[in-house]
Amino acid sequence: MQITEILERCKQNDRRAQMQLYNKYSQGMYYVAFRFLKNSFEAEEAMQEGFVKAFTKMHQYNGEVTFGAWLKRIVINKSIDMLKAKKLELVEMNEQVLGKVDEDTDWTVEDGITVDQIKEAIEDLPERYRYAVMLFLIEGY
């Protein structure tokens, strides 16, 4: 069955079609949430809540972006909401902060740097910068 047909059936509250979408996207959405929350239980919760919201708002999906991208945006928003609920402060990067980063940091990149080294460097960033980098580089926002 084509994805467009599955989506149409989901809009009619077809539980089998919803289960097909869940099976297709759940693992990827879990990993998206886990990158933000760093906790398996919370990532599972954000992913589940994201699917519930997607299924209840399915009539709002208009196909301008892929369903996966639309669902990913919902899961990211749920993850950010959970972080806010834990009272983690996400600091806006204003010009003063960006200027300080530019002055204090050597931005050269070594030849042959690996993806794992980049991931490790991102993990070593202060939390507020890590979220900004994840949204921009990894999630594409």
Protein backbone atom coordinates (compact mmCIF):
# COMPACT_ATOMS: atom_id res chain seq x y z
CA MET A 1 0.00 0.00 0.00
CA GLN A 2 1.31 3.47 -0.93
CA ILE A 3 2.00 6.07 1.76
CA THR A 4 -0.66 8.41 0.32
CA GLU A 5 -3.27 5.69 0.67
CA ILE A 6 -2.16 4.95 4.23
CA LEU A 7 -2.37 8.64 5.11
CA GLU A 8 -5.86 8.93 3.64
CA ARG A 9 -6.98 5.94 5.68
CA CYS A 10 -5.41 7.49 8.79
CA LYS A 11 -7.44 10.64 8.19
CA GLN A 12 -10.51 8.39 8.45
CA ASN A 13 -9.26 7.01 11.81
CA ASP A 14 -8.35 3.60 10.37
CA ARG A 15 -6.43 1.89 13.21
CA ARG A 16 -4.62 -0.53 10.90
CA ALA A 17 -3.32 2.33 8.78
CA GLN A 18 -2.22 4.16 11.93
CA MET A 19 -0.35 1.05 13.04
CA GLN A 20 1.37 0.86 9.64
CA LEU A 21 2.56 4.46 10.01
CA TYR A 22 3.64 3.81 13.57
CA ASN A 23 5.66 0.75 12.55
CA LYS A 24 7.25 2.67 9.68
CA TYR A 25 8.29 5.78 11.64
CA SER A 26 8.46 4.91 15.36
CA GLN A 27 12.12 3.90 15.52
CA GLY A 28 13.32 7.01 13.69
CA MET A 29 11.14 9.30 15.80
CA TYR A 30 12.42 7.64 18.97
CA TYR A 31 16.01 8.45 17.95
CA VAL A 32 15.05 12.06 17.17
CA ALA A 33 13.55 12.45 20.66
CA PHE A 34 16.46 10.63 22.31
CA ARG A 35 19.01 13.03 20.79
CA PHE A 36 17.29 15.83 22.70
CA LEU A 37 16.21 14.13 25.90
CA LYS A 38 19.13 11.72 26.52
CA ASN A 39 16.72 9.45 28.40
CA SER A 40 15.13 6.34 26.94
CA PHE A 41 11.88 6.58 28.91
CA GLU A 42 11.39 10.27 28.10
CA ALA A 43 12.26 9.71 24.43
CA GLU A 44 9.66 6.93 24.25
CA GLU A 45 7.11 9.23 25.88
CA ALA A 46 7.85 12.13 23.50
CA MET A 47 7.64 9.78 20.51
CA GLN A 48 4.31 8.32 21.69
CA GLU A 49 2.84 11.76 22.39
CA GLY A 50 4.04 12.90 18.98
CA PHE A 51 2.17 10.07 17.28
CA VAL A 52 -0.98 10.77 19.29
CA LYS A 53 -0.86 14.42 18.27
CA ALA A 54 -0.15 13.52 14.64
CA PHE A 55 -3.09 11.12 14.50
CA THR A 56 -5.47 13.62 16.13
CA LYS A 57 -4.27 16.44 13.84
CA MET A 58 -3.99 14.30 10.70
CA HIS A 59 -6.58 16.48 8.94
CA GLN A 60 -4.06 19.37 9.16
CA TYR A 61 -1.41 17.46 7.20
CA ASN A 62 -1.55 18.93 3.70
CA GLY A 63 1.36 17.19 1.99
CA GLU A 64 3.55 20.29 1.55
CA VAL A 65 6.37 18.32 3.22
CA THR A 66 6.78 14.59 3.60
CA PHE A 67 4.79 12.96 6.36
CA GLY A 68 8.06 11.96 8.04
CA ALA A 69 9.24 15.58 8.14
CA TRP A 70 5.87 16.73 9.52
CA LEU A 71 5.93 14.03 12.21
CA LYS A 72 9.56 14.81 13.04
CA ARG A 73 8.66 18.45 13.67
CA ILE A 74 5.91 17.33 16.07
CA VAL A 75 8.30 15.01 17.94
CA ILE A 76 10.97 17.71 18.17
CA ASN A 77 8.41 20.15 19.58
CA LYS A 78 7.26 17.53 22.11
CA SER A 79 10.88 16.92 23.13
CA ILE A 80 11.51 20.63 23.58
CA ASP A 81 8.30 20.95 25.61
CA MET A 82 9.52 18.15 27.87
CA LEU A 83 12.87 19.89 28.32
CA LYS A 84 11.09 23.11 29.23
CA ALA A 85 8.92 21.22 31.69
CA LYS A 86 12.09 19.98 33.37
CA LYS A 87 12.96 23.66 33.71
CA LEU A 88 16.07 23.43 31.59
CA GLU A 89 16.82 26.89 30.37
CA LEU A 90 17.39 27.15 26.66
CA VAL A 91 19.33 30.38 26.29
CA GLU A 92 18.87 32.47 23.18
CA MET A 93 22.10 33.09 21.37
CA ASN A 94 22.26 36.84 21.02
CA GLU A 95 24.95 38.83 19.24
CA GLN A 96 26.95 39.30 22.44
CA VAL A 97 27.17 35.55 23.03
CA LEU A 98 27.96 34.84 19.38
CA GLY A 99 30.68 37.50 19.41
CA LYS A 100 32.27 35.92 22.47
CA VAL A 101 32.20 32.50 20.83
CA ASP A 102 33.84 33.90 17.70
CA GLU A 103 36.63 35.56 19.71
CA ASP A 104 37.39 32.63 21.99
CA THR A 105 37.29 29.76 19.55
CA ASP A 106 39.67 28.43 16.93
CA TRP A 107 37.39 27.43 14.05
CA THR A 108 39.93 25.42 12.05
CA VAL A 109 39.01 21.87 11.13
CA GLU A 110 41.53 19.07 10.98
CA ASP A 111 41.83 16.98 7.84
CA GLY A 112 40.43 13.52 8.32
CA ILE A 113 38.15 14.28 11.26
CA THR A 114 35.60 11.48 11.68
CA VAL A 115 31.86 11.64 12.19
CA ASP A 116 32.31 10.05 15.61
CA GLN A 117 34.75 12.79 16.59
CA ILE A 118 32.25 15.43 15.49
CA LYS A 119 29.46 13.75 17.48
CA GLU A 120 31.74 13.58 20.52
CA ALA A 121 32.61 17.28 20.17
CA ILE A 122 28.91 18.17 19.98
CA GLU A 123 28.24 16.12 23.13
CA ASP A 124 31.03 18.03 24.92
CA LEU A 125 29.39 21.41 24.22
CA PRO A 126 27.50 23.20 26.98
CA GLU A 127 23.86 22.14 26.88
CA ARG A 128 22.45 25.36 25.41
CA TYR A 129 24.93 25.27 22.52
CA ARG A 130 24.45 21.55 21.98
CA TYR A 131 20.71 22.06 21.38
CA ALA A 132 21.36 24.89 18.94
CA VAL A 133 23.89 22.80 17.00
CA MET A 134 21.58 19.76 16.98
CA LEU A 135 18.66 21.78 15.65
CA PHE A 136 20.76 23.48 12.99
CA LEU A 137 23.12 20.76 11.77
CA ILE A 138 21.44 17.48 12.61
CA GLU A 139 17.72 18.25 12.43
CA GLY A 140 18.01 20.87 9.67
CA TYR A 141 16.37 23.85 11.43
